[in-house]
Amino acid sequence: MVNSYVQNRRPPSLEDLNLITDILNIDIKDLIVSNKAQYNNG
């Protein structure tokens, strides 16, 4: 399973990400990075 992620054959499911965050005791937002550009609205 992890080997598939490392070799970029498939992304982890949200359920798997949730399990990883529970093990690492971190927020799921720390694992998910937005691919949208951030624009300054000012």
Protein backbone atom coordinates (compact mmCIF):
# COMPACT_ATOMS: atom_id res chain seq x y z
CA MET A 1 0.00 0.00 0.00
CA VAL A 2 2.59 2.59 1.05
CA ASN A 3 4.83 1.48 -1.80
CA SER A 4 2.10 2.57 -4.25
CA TYR A 5 2.09 6.04 -2.70
CA VAL A 6 5.87 6.34 -2.74
CA GLN A 7 6.07 5.32 -6.38
CA ASN A 8 3.22 7.71 -7.21
CA ARG A 9 1.03 4.97 -8.70
CA ARG A 10 -1.98 6.00 -6.63
CA PRO A 11 -2.78 8.59 -3.99
CA PRO A 12 -3.82 7.52 -0.49
CA SER A 13 -7.53 7.51 0.26
CA LEU A 14 -8.93 10.00 2.75
CA GLU A 15 -9.52 7.08 5.11
CA ASP A 16 -5.84 6.12 4.89
CA LEU A 17 -4.81 9.73 5.41
CA ASN A 18 -7.03 9.86 8.47
CA LEU A 19 -5.35 6.74 9.89
CA ILE A 20 -1.92 8.26 9.25
CA THR A 21 -2.89 11.48 11.02
CA ASP A 22 -4.16 9.50 14.01
CA ILE A 23 -0.86 7.62 14.24
CA LEU A 24 1.23 10.77 13.87
CA ASN A 25 -1.13 12.83 16.06
CA ILE A 26 -1.32 15.65 13.49
CA ASP A 27 -4.10 17.46 11.65
CA ILE A 28 -5.09 16.11 8.23
CA LYS A 29 -4.51 19.62 6.82
CA ASP A 30 -0.79 19.04 7.45
CA LEU A 31 -0.84 16.21 4.89
CA ILE A 32 -3.08 17.81 2.27
CA VAL A 33 -1.63 20.67 0.25
CA SER A 34 -3.80 22.75 -2.04
CA ASN A 35 -2.81 22.76 -5.69
CA LYS A 36 -4.65 26.02 -6.33
CA ALA A 37 -2.71 29.24 -6.67
CA GLN A 38 -3.14 31.67 -3.81
CA TYR A 39 -4.09 35.17 -4.88
CA ASN A 40 -3.94 38.34 -2.85
CA ASN A 41 -7.38 39.94 -2.80
CA GLY A 42 -6.02 43.30 -1.78
